[in-house]
C-alpha atoms as a PDB file:
ATOM      1  CA  MET A   1      -6.141  -3.151 -18.298  1.00  0.00           C
ATOM      2  CA  VAL A   2      -4.979  -4.117 -14.800  1.00  0.00           C
ATOM      3  CA  LYS A   3      -1.278  -4.543 -14.070  1.00  0.00           C
ATOM      4  CA  THR A   4      -0.194  -6.549 -11.034  1.00  0.00           C
ATOM      5  CA  LEU A   5       2.840  -5.766  -8.904  1.00  0.00           C
ATOM      6  CA  GLN A   6       4.418  -8.636  -7.005  1.00  0.00           C
ATOM      7  CA  VAL A   7       5.536  -7.643  -3.510  1.00  0.00           C
ATOM      8  CA  GLN A   8       7.651  -9.861  -1.271  1.00  0.00           C
ATOM      9  CA  SER A   9       7.672  -8.998   2.414  1.00  0.00           C
ATOM     10  CA  SER A  10      10.406 -10.235   4.729  1.00  0.00           C
ATOM     11  CA  LYS A  11       8.949  -9.389   8.160  1.00  0.00           C
ATOM     12  CA  GLN A  12       5.693  -9.859  10.051  1.00  0.00           C
ATOM     13  CA  THR A  13       4.977  -6.122   9.879  1.00  0.00           C
ATOM     14  CA  GLU A  14       6.604  -4.072   7.151  1.00  0.00           C
ATOM     15  CA  PHE A  15       5.968  -0.988   5.029  1.00  0.00           C
ATOM     16  CA  ILE A  16       7.390  -1.451   1.528  1.00  0.00           C
ATOM     17  CA  ASP A  17       7.804   1.615  -0.685  1.00  0.00           C
ATOM     18  CA  ILE A  18       6.258   0.795  -4.085  1.00  0.00           C
ATOM     19  CA  THR A  19       6.249   4.357  -5.457  1.00  0.00           C
ATOM     20  CA  ARG A  20       8.861   3.642  -8.138  1.00  0.00           C
ATOM     21  CA  GLN A  21       7.056   0.558  -9.473  1.00  0.00           C
ATOM     22  CA  VAL A  22       3.676   2.333  -9.618  1.00  0.00           C
ATOM     23  CA  THR A  23       5.286   5.363 -11.290  1.00  0.00           C
ATOM     24  CA  GLU A  24       6.810   3.102 -13.957  1.00  0.00           C
ATOM     25  CA  ILE A  25       3.430   1.538 -14.720  1.00  0.00           C
ATOM     26  CA  VAL A  26       1.846   4.980 -15.114  1.00  0.00           C
ATOM     27  CA  LEU A  27       4.663   6.221 -17.361  1.00  0.00           C
ATOM     28  CA  LYS A  28       4.447   3.143 -19.603  1.00  0.00           C
ATOM     29  CA  THR A  29       0.751   3.777 -20.277  1.00  0.00           C
ATOM     30  CA  GLY A  30       1.521   7.152 -21.847  1.00  0.00           C
ATOM     31  CA  ILE A  31      -1.611   8.574 -20.211  1.00  0.00           C
ATOM     32  CA  LYS A  32      -1.237  12.295 -19.500  1.00  0.00           C
ATOM     33  CA  GLU A  33      -4.382  12.974 -17.453  1.00  0.00           C
ATOM     34  CA  GLY A  34      -6.394  10.476 -15.434  1.00  0.00           C
ATOM     35  CA  LEU A  35      -6.499   8.277 -12.373  1.00  0.00           C
ATOM     36  CA  CYS A  36      -4.344   5.522 -10.945  1.00  0.00           C
ATOM     37  CA  ILE A  37      -6.239   3.075  -8.751  1.00  0.00           C
ATOM     38  CA  LEU A  38      -4.311   0.728  -6.456  1.00  0.00           C
ATOM     39  CA  TYR A  39      -5.941  -2.293  -4.844  1.00  0.00           C
ATOM     40  CA  VAL A  40      -4.500  -4.839  -2.401  1.00  0.00           C
ATOM     41  CA  PRO A  41      -6.455  -8.141  -2.630  1.00  0.00           C
ATOM     42  CA  HIS A  42      -5.453  -9.380   0.819  1.00  0.00           C
ATOM     43  CA  THR A  43      -7.243  -9.290   4.176  1.00  0.00           C
ATOM     44  CA  THR A  44      -4.054  -8.944   6.235  1.00  0.00           C
ATOM     45  CA  ALA A  45      -2.293  -6.223   4.239  1.00  0.00           C
ATOM     46  CA  GLY A  46      -3.039  -2.654   3.240  1.00  0.00           C
ATOM     47  CA  ILE A  47      -1.812   0.382   1.364  1.00  0.00           C
ATOM     48  CA  THR A  48      -1.154   3.989   2.340  1.00  0.00           C
ATOM     49  CA  ILE A  49       0.541   7.220   1.294  1.00  0.00           C
ATOM     50  CA  ASN A  50       2.974   8.882   3.649  1.00  0.00           C
ATOM     51  CA  GLU A  51       6.470  10.344   3.872  1.00  0.00           C
ATOM     52  CA  ASN A  52       9.125   8.305   2.084  1.00  0.00           C
ATOM     53  CA  ALA A  53      12.084  10.678   2.538  1.00  0.00           C
ATOM     54  CA  ASP A  54      12.809   9.675   6.146  1.00  0.00           C
ATOM     55  CA  PRO A  55      12.642   5.912   6.855  1.00  0.00           C
ATOM     56  CA  SER A  56      11.883   6.600  10.508  1.00  0.00           C
ATOM     57  CA  VAL A  57       8.357   7.787   9.575  1.00  0.00           C
ATOM     58  CA  PRO A  58       7.032   4.401   8.361  1.00  0.00           C
ATOM     59  CA  ARG A  59       8.822   2.713  11.279  1.00  0.00           C
ATOM     60  CA  ASP A  60       7.099   5.109  13.703  1.00  0.00           C
ATOM     61  CA  ILE A  61       3.712   4.402  12.084  1.00  0.00           C
ATOM     62  CA  GLN A  62       4.270   0.647  12.424  1.00  0.00           C
ATOM     63  CA  MET A  63       5.339   1.066  16.054  1.00  0.00           C
ATOM     64  CA  GLU A  64       2.194   3.009  16.930  1.00  0.00           C
ATOM     65  CA  ILE A  65      -0.155   0.688  15.006  1.00  0.00           C
ATOM     66  CA  ASN A  66       1.349  -2.236  16.919  1.00  0.00           C
ATOM     67  CA  LYS A  67       0.561  -0.409  20.183  1.00  0.00           C
ATOM     68  CA  ILE A  68      -3.020   0.315  19.115  1.00  0.00           C
ATOM     69  CA  VAL A  69      -3.607  -3.231  17.828  1.00  0.00           C
ATOM     70  CA  PRO A  70      -1.265  -5.631  19.647  1.00  0.00           C
ATOM     71  CA  PHE A  71      -0.478  -9.013  18.104  1.00  0.00           C
ATOM     72  CA  GLU A  72      -1.471 -10.796  21.303  1.00  0.00           C
ATOM     73  CA  ASP A  73      -4.863 -10.092  22.837  1.00  0.00           C
ATOM     74  CA  ARG A  74      -8.028 -12.036  23.516  1.00  0.00           C
ATOM     75  CA  TYR A  75      -8.912 -12.419  19.823  1.00  0.00           C
ATOM     76  CA  LEU A  76     -11.408 -15.112  18.853  1.00  0.00           C
ATOM     77  CA  HIS A  77     -10.171 -15.779  15.298  1.00  0.00           C
ATOM     78  CA  THR A  78      -8.559 -19.225  15.468  1.00  0.00           C
ATOM     79  CA  GLU A  79      -5.962 -18.599  12.751  1.00  0.00           C
ATOM     80  CA  GLY A  80      -4.062 -16.315  15.126  1.00  0.00           C
ATOM     81  CA  ASN A  81      -3.765 -13.278  12.860  1.00  0.00           C
ATOM     82  CA  SER A  82      -6.679 -11.119  14.011  1.00  0.00           C
ATOM     83  CA  ALA A  83      -4.375  -8.168  14.628  1.00  0.00           C
ATOM     84  CA  ALA A  84      -3.328  -8.266  10.956  1.00  0.00           C
ATOM     85  CA  HIS A  85      -6.981  -8.266   9.817  1.00  0.00           C
ATOM     86  CA  ILE A  86      -7.759  -5.287  12.051  1.00  0.00           C
ATOM     87  CA  LYS A  87      -4.691  -3.350  10.860  1.00  0.00           C
ATOM     88  CA  SER A  88      -5.621  -4.022   7.232  1.00  0.00           C
ATOM     89  CA  SER A  89      -9.108  -2.621   7.850  1.00  0.00           C
ATOM     90  CA  LEU A  90      -7.718   0.445   9.602  1.00  0.00           C
ATOM     91  CA  MET A  91      -5.145   1.155   6.876  1.00  0.00           C
ATOM     92  CA  GLY A  92      -7.407   0.337   3.928  1.00  0.00           C
ATOM     93  CA  THR A  93      -6.846  -1.757   0.825  1.00  0.00           C
ATOM     94  CA  SER A  94      -7.171   0.800  -1.967  1.00  0.00           C
ATOM     95  CA  LEU A  95      -5.967   4.221  -3.082  1.00  0.00           C
ATOM     96  CA  THR A  96      -6.851   6.523  -5.954  1.00  0.00           C
ATOM     97  CA  LEU A  97      -4.235   8.978  -7.211  1.00  0.00           C
ATOM     98  CA  PHE A  98      -4.478  11.721  -9.813  1.00  0.00           C
ATOM     99  CA  ILE A  99      -2.310  11.681 -12.920  1.00  0.00           C
ATOM    100  CA  GLU A 100      -1.385  15.136 -14.211  1.00  0.00           C
ATOM    101  CA  SER A 101       0.987  15.768 -17.112  1.00  0.00           C
ATOM    102  CA  GLY A 102       1.788  12.049 -17.240  1.00  0.00           C
ATOM    103  CA  ARG A 103       2.921  11.846 -13.602  1.00  0.00           C
ATOM    104  CA  LEU A 104       1.398  10.771 -10.312  1.00  0.00           C
ATOM    105  CA  LEU A 105       0.249  13.833  -8.389  1.00  0.00           C
ATOM    106  CA  LEU A 106       2.058  13.157  -5.115  1.00  0.00           C
ATOM    107  CA  GLY A 107       3.382  15.698  -2.648  1.00  0.00           C
ATOM    108  CA  THR A 108       7.110  16.374  -2.418  1.00  0.00           C
ATOM    109  CA  TRP A 109       7.675  13.973   0.472  1.00  0.00           C
ATOM    110  CA  GLN A 110       4.929  11.457  -0.301  1.00  0.00           C
ATOM    111  CA  GLY A 111       5.414   7.838  -1.265  1.00  0.00           C
ATOM    112  CA  ILE A 112       3.139   4.828  -1.705  1.00  0.00           C
ATOM    113  CA  PHE A 113       3.593   2.047   0.837  1.00  0.00           C
ATOM    114  CA  PHE A 114       2.400  -1.538   0.728  1.00  0.00           C
ATOM    115  CA  CYS A 115       1.636  -2.407   4.359  1.00  0.00           C
ATOM    116  CA  GLU A 116       2.357  -5.983   5.429  1.00  0.00           C
ATOM    117  CA  PHE A 117       0.741  -7.124   8.677  1.00  0.00           C
ATOM    118  CA  ASP A 118       1.019 -10.927   8.428  1.00  0.00           C
ATOM    119  CA  GLY A 119       4.329 -11.636   6.770  1.00  0.00           C
ATOM    120  CA  PRO A 120       6.604 -12.647   5.466  1.00  0.00           C
ATOM    121  CA  ARG A 121       4.577 -13.408   2.355  1.00  0.00           C
ATOM    122  CA  SER A 122       4.384 -13.028  -1.392  1.00  0.00           C
ATOM    123  CA  ARG A 123       1.697 -10.426  -2.135  1.00  0.00           C
ATOM    124  CA  GLN A 124       0.096  -8.514  -4.991  1.00  0.00           C
ATOM    125  CA  VAL A 125      -0.993  -4.960  -5.699  1.00  0.00           C
ATOM    126  CA  HIS A 126      -3.339  -4.426  -8.645  1.00  0.00           C
ATOM    127  CA  VAL A 127      -2.851  -1.190 -10.566  1.00  0.00           C
ATOM    128  CA  LYS A 128      -5.479   0.277 -12.917  1.00  0.00           C
ATOM    129  CA  VAL A 129      -4.725   3.436 -14.882  1.00  0.00           C
ATOM    130  CA  ILE A 130      -7.727   5.270 -16.348  1.00  0.00           C
ATOM    131  CA  GLU A 131      -7.421   8.053 -18.912  1.00  0.00           C
ATOM    132  CA  ASP A 132      -9.445  11.244 -18.562  1.00  0.00           C
ATOM    133  CA  ARG A 133     -10.731  11.762 -22.113  1.00  0.00           C
ATOM    134  CA  ARG A 134     -12.465  15.090 -21.564  1.00  0.00           C
END
């Protein structure tokens, strides 16, 4: 079964920590060993894992991505959001995490971030939890 998280961004570019919501979905399944697959069904958003203890880390990542892929350039896409499409492709739209002993196997400082590149918008993240039955 696929669960869907609703994510509301408030800025054009924003990293939103969704670790707690994903953790709750995994816990509610009762699955002790398996996989958690996250998928963002948008072409101008992405998902990543990085440090969530210091809020300056996601801000620094956003700052550098905006330097690498500026909002204004000689893009041909007429909708005006080519930079967001490029950033989504660079970041990626899916993650797979291990579940061990009923918990997401994340590092001490790691969190899951929804990456908005064309906000503000109402978005979704699909979450699929698969049990390892071996």
